């Protein structure tokens, strides 16, 4: 394994995690998706996300915090949330 800090990507966009927040997309783009893990359950020695908040956000630093959120929803399970976020991000980035 290499010593470089390689970024995990999903469908061509980076995934970054900090505690219970996962950011999907690049801050260099106009939009990103923020996934917040709200609830988890224990399965053997793993924590599985059971409730996840999904937000499509603008990356414009001049916008107010409440104006950055374009869409939001809650989903059961991380994969379902990531799938919705992926569709939202692709549509937002290609709507030019």
C-alpha atoms as a PDB file:
ATOM      1  CA  UNK A   1       0.000   0.000   0.000  1.00  0.00           C
ATOM      2  CA  UNK A   2       1.293   3.454  -0.841  1.00  0.00           C
ATOM      3  CA  UNK A   3       1.983   6.113   1.760  1.00  0.00           C
ATOM      4  CA  UNK A   4       0.160   8.834  -0.209  1.00  0.00           C
ATOM      5  CA  UNK A   5      -3.059  10.310   1.145  1.00  0.00           C
ATOM      6  CA  UNK A   6      -5.403   8.953  -1.488  1.00  0.00           C
ATOM      7  CA  UNK A   7      -8.962  10.229  -1.486  1.00  0.00           C
ATOM      8  CA  UNK A   8     -11.796   7.716  -1.619  1.00  0.00           C
ATOM      9  CA  UNK A   9     -14.073   8.380  -4.594  1.00  0.00           C
ATOM     10  CA  UNK A  10     -17.521   7.145  -5.615  1.00  0.00           C
ATOM     11  CA  UNK A  11     -18.711   7.555  -9.209  1.00  0.00           C
ATOM     12  CA  UNK A  12     -15.927  10.028  -9.918  1.00  0.00           C
ATOM     13  CA  UNK A  13     -16.500  12.358  -6.939  1.00  0.00           C
ATOM     14  CA  UNK A  14     -14.497  12.435  -3.688  1.00  0.00           C
ATOM     15  CA  UNK A  15     -15.895  11.183  -0.382  1.00  0.00           C
ATOM     16  CA  UNK A  16     -14.558  12.768   2.812  1.00  0.00           C
ATOM     17  CA  UNK A  17     -15.618  11.733   6.332  1.00  0.00           C
ATOM     18  CA  UNK A  18     -15.354  13.600   9.625  1.00  0.00           C
ATOM     19  CA  UNK A  19     -17.055  11.813  12.548  1.00  0.00           C
ATOM     20  CA  UNK A  20     -20.735  11.402  11.555  1.00  0.00           C
ATOM     21  CA  UNK A  21     -20.530  13.731   8.509  1.00  0.00           C
ATOM     22  CA  UNK A  22     -19.674  12.576   4.992  1.00  0.00           C
ATOM     23  CA  UNK A  23     -19.095  15.108   2.235  1.00  0.00           C
ATOM     24  CA  UNK A  24     -19.588  13.914  -1.335  1.00  0.00           C
ATOM     25  CA  UNK A  25     -18.238  16.055  -4.139  1.00  0.00           C
ATOM     26  CA  UNK A  26     -15.544  18.661  -4.599  1.00  0.00           C
ATOM     27  CA  UNK A  27     -15.511  22.100  -2.982  1.00  0.00           C
ATOM     28  CA  UNK A  28     -14.176  23.353  -6.334  1.00  0.00           C
ATOM     29  CA  UNK A  29     -17.583  22.545  -7.897  1.00  0.00           C
ATOM     30  CA  UNK A  30     -20.745  24.612  -7.477  1.00  0.00           C
ATOM     31  CA  UNK A  31     -22.512  21.946  -5.354  1.00  0.00           C
ATOM     32  CA  UNK A  32     -21.667  19.212  -2.828  1.00  0.00           C
ATOM     33  CA  UNK A  33     -23.742  16.694  -0.880  1.00  0.00           C
ATOM     34  CA  UNK A  34     -23.537  16.462   2.900  1.00  0.00           C
ATOM     35  CA  UNK A  35     -24.604  13.183   4.493  1.00  0.00           C
ATOM     36  CA  UNK A  36     -25.132  13.259   8.258  1.00  0.00           C
ATOM     37  CA  UNK A  37     -25.510   9.966  10.099  1.00  0.00           C
ATOM     38  CA  UNK A  38     -28.315  10.537  12.603  1.00  0.00           C
ATOM     39  CA  UNK A  39     -28.820   7.010  14.001  1.00  0.00           C
ATOM     40  CA  UNK A  40     -26.803   3.800  14.001  1.00  0.00           C
ATOM     41  CA  UNK A  41     -27.296   0.233  15.143  1.00  0.00           C
ATOM     42  CA  UNK A  42     -24.723  -2.296  16.237  1.00  0.00           C
ATOM     43  CA  UNK A  43     -24.217  -5.416  14.126  1.00  0.00           C
ATOM     44  CA  UNK A  44     -21.546  -7.605  15.717  1.00  0.00           C
ATOM     45  CA  UNK A  45     -18.604  -5.187  15.967  1.00  0.00           C
ATOM     46  CA  UNK A  46     -19.810  -2.756  13.249  1.00  0.00           C
ATOM     47  CA  UNK A  47     -21.894   0.411  13.534  1.00  0.00           C
ATOM     48  CA  UNK A  48     -24.413   0.569  10.670  1.00  0.00           C
ATOM     49  CA  UNK A  49     -26.141   3.815   9.736  1.00  0.00           C
ATOM     50  CA  UNK A  50     -29.918   3.413   9.991  1.00  0.00           C
ATOM     51  CA  UNK A  51     -31.011   7.029   9.546  1.00  0.00           C
ATOM     52  CA  UNK A  52     -29.125   9.511   7.351  1.00  0.00           C
ATOM     53  CA  UNK A  53     -29.844  13.159   6.509  1.00  0.00           C
ATOM     54  CA  UNK A  54     -28.988  14.175   2.919  1.00  0.00           C
ATOM     55  CA  UNK A  55     -28.455  17.795   1.853  1.00  0.00           C
ATOM     56  CA  UNK A  56     -27.507  19.200  -1.539  1.00  0.00           C
ATOM     57  CA  UNK A  57     -25.571  22.379  -0.763  1.00  0.00           C
ATOM     58  CA  UNK A  58     -24.023  25.243  -2.692  1.00  0.00           C
ATOM     59  CA  UNK A  59     -20.299  25.718  -2.111  1.00  0.00           C
ATOM     60  CA  UNK A  60     -20.453  29.522  -2.489  1.00  0.00           C
ATOM     61  CA  UNK A  61     -18.725  30.920   0.637  1.00  0.00           C
ATOM     62  CA  UNK A  62     -20.542  34.256   0.219  1.00  0.00           C
ATOM     63  CA  UNK A  63     -23.980  32.624   0.610  1.00  0.00           C
ATOM     64  CA  UNK A  64     -25.612  32.541   4.042  1.00  0.00           C
ATOM     65  CA  UNK A  65     -25.679  29.134   5.726  1.00  0.00           C
ATOM     66  CA  UNK A  66     -29.447  28.706   5.374  1.00  0.00           C
ATOM     67  CA  UNK A  67     -29.323  29.735   1.688  1.00  0.00           C
ATOM     68  CA  UNK A  68     -26.701  27.096   0.869  1.00  0.00           C
ATOM     69  CA  UNK A  69     -29.099  24.160   1.299  1.00  0.00           C
ATOM     70  CA  UNK A  70     -30.849  23.487  -2.018  1.00  0.00           C
ATOM     71  CA  UNK A  71     -32.554  20.151  -1.195  1.00  0.00           C
ATOM     72  CA  UNK A  72     -32.768  17.927   1.855  1.00  0.00           C
ATOM     73  CA  UNK A  73     -34.287  14.628   2.902  1.00  0.00           C
ATOM     74  CA  UNK A  74     -33.800  11.751   5.351  1.00  0.00           C
ATOM     75  CA  UNK A  75     -33.254   8.158   4.260  1.00  0.00           C
ATOM     76  CA  UNK A  76     -33.001   4.777   5.952  1.00  0.00           C
ATOM     77  CA  UNK A  77     -29.519   3.370   5.395  1.00  0.00           C
ATOM     78  CA  UNK A  78     -26.302   4.911   4.156  1.00  0.00           C
ATOM     79  CA  UNK A  79     -26.343   3.424   0.651  1.00  0.00           C
ATOM     80  CA  UNK A  80     -29.859   4.734  -0.053  1.00  0.00           C
ATOM     81  CA  UNK A  81     -28.825   8.192   1.171  1.00  0.00           C
ATOM     82  CA  UNK A  82     -25.631   8.166  -0.908  1.00  0.00           C
ATOM     83  CA  UNK A  83     -27.576   7.019  -3.971  1.00  0.00           C
ATOM     84  CA  UNK A  84     -30.032   9.947  -3.649  1.00  0.00           C
ATOM     85  CA  UNK A  85     -27.164  12.358  -3.044  1.00  0.00           C
ATOM     86  CA  UNK A  86     -25.321  11.070  -6.100  1.00  0.00           C
ATOM     87  CA  UNK A  87     -28.346  11.674  -8.345  1.00  0.00           C
ATOM     88  CA  UNK A  88     -28.916  15.160  -6.905  1.00  0.00           C
ATOM     89  CA  UNK A  89     -25.259  16.104  -7.347  1.00  0.00           C
ATOM     90  CA  UNK A  90     -25.078  14.872 -10.942  1.00  0.00           C
ATOM     91  CA  UNK A  91     -28.269  16.716 -11.877  1.00  0.00           C
ATOM     92  CA  UNK A  92     -27.146  19.957 -10.169  1.00  0.00           C
ATOM     93  CA  UNK A  93     -23.694  19.907 -11.782  1.00  0.00           C
ATOM     94  CA  UNK A  94     -25.076  19.120 -15.243  1.00  0.00           C
ATOM     95  CA  UNK A  95     -27.923  21.696 -15.170  1.00  0.00           C
ATOM     96  CA  UNK A  96     -25.866  24.434 -16.806  1.00  0.00           C
END
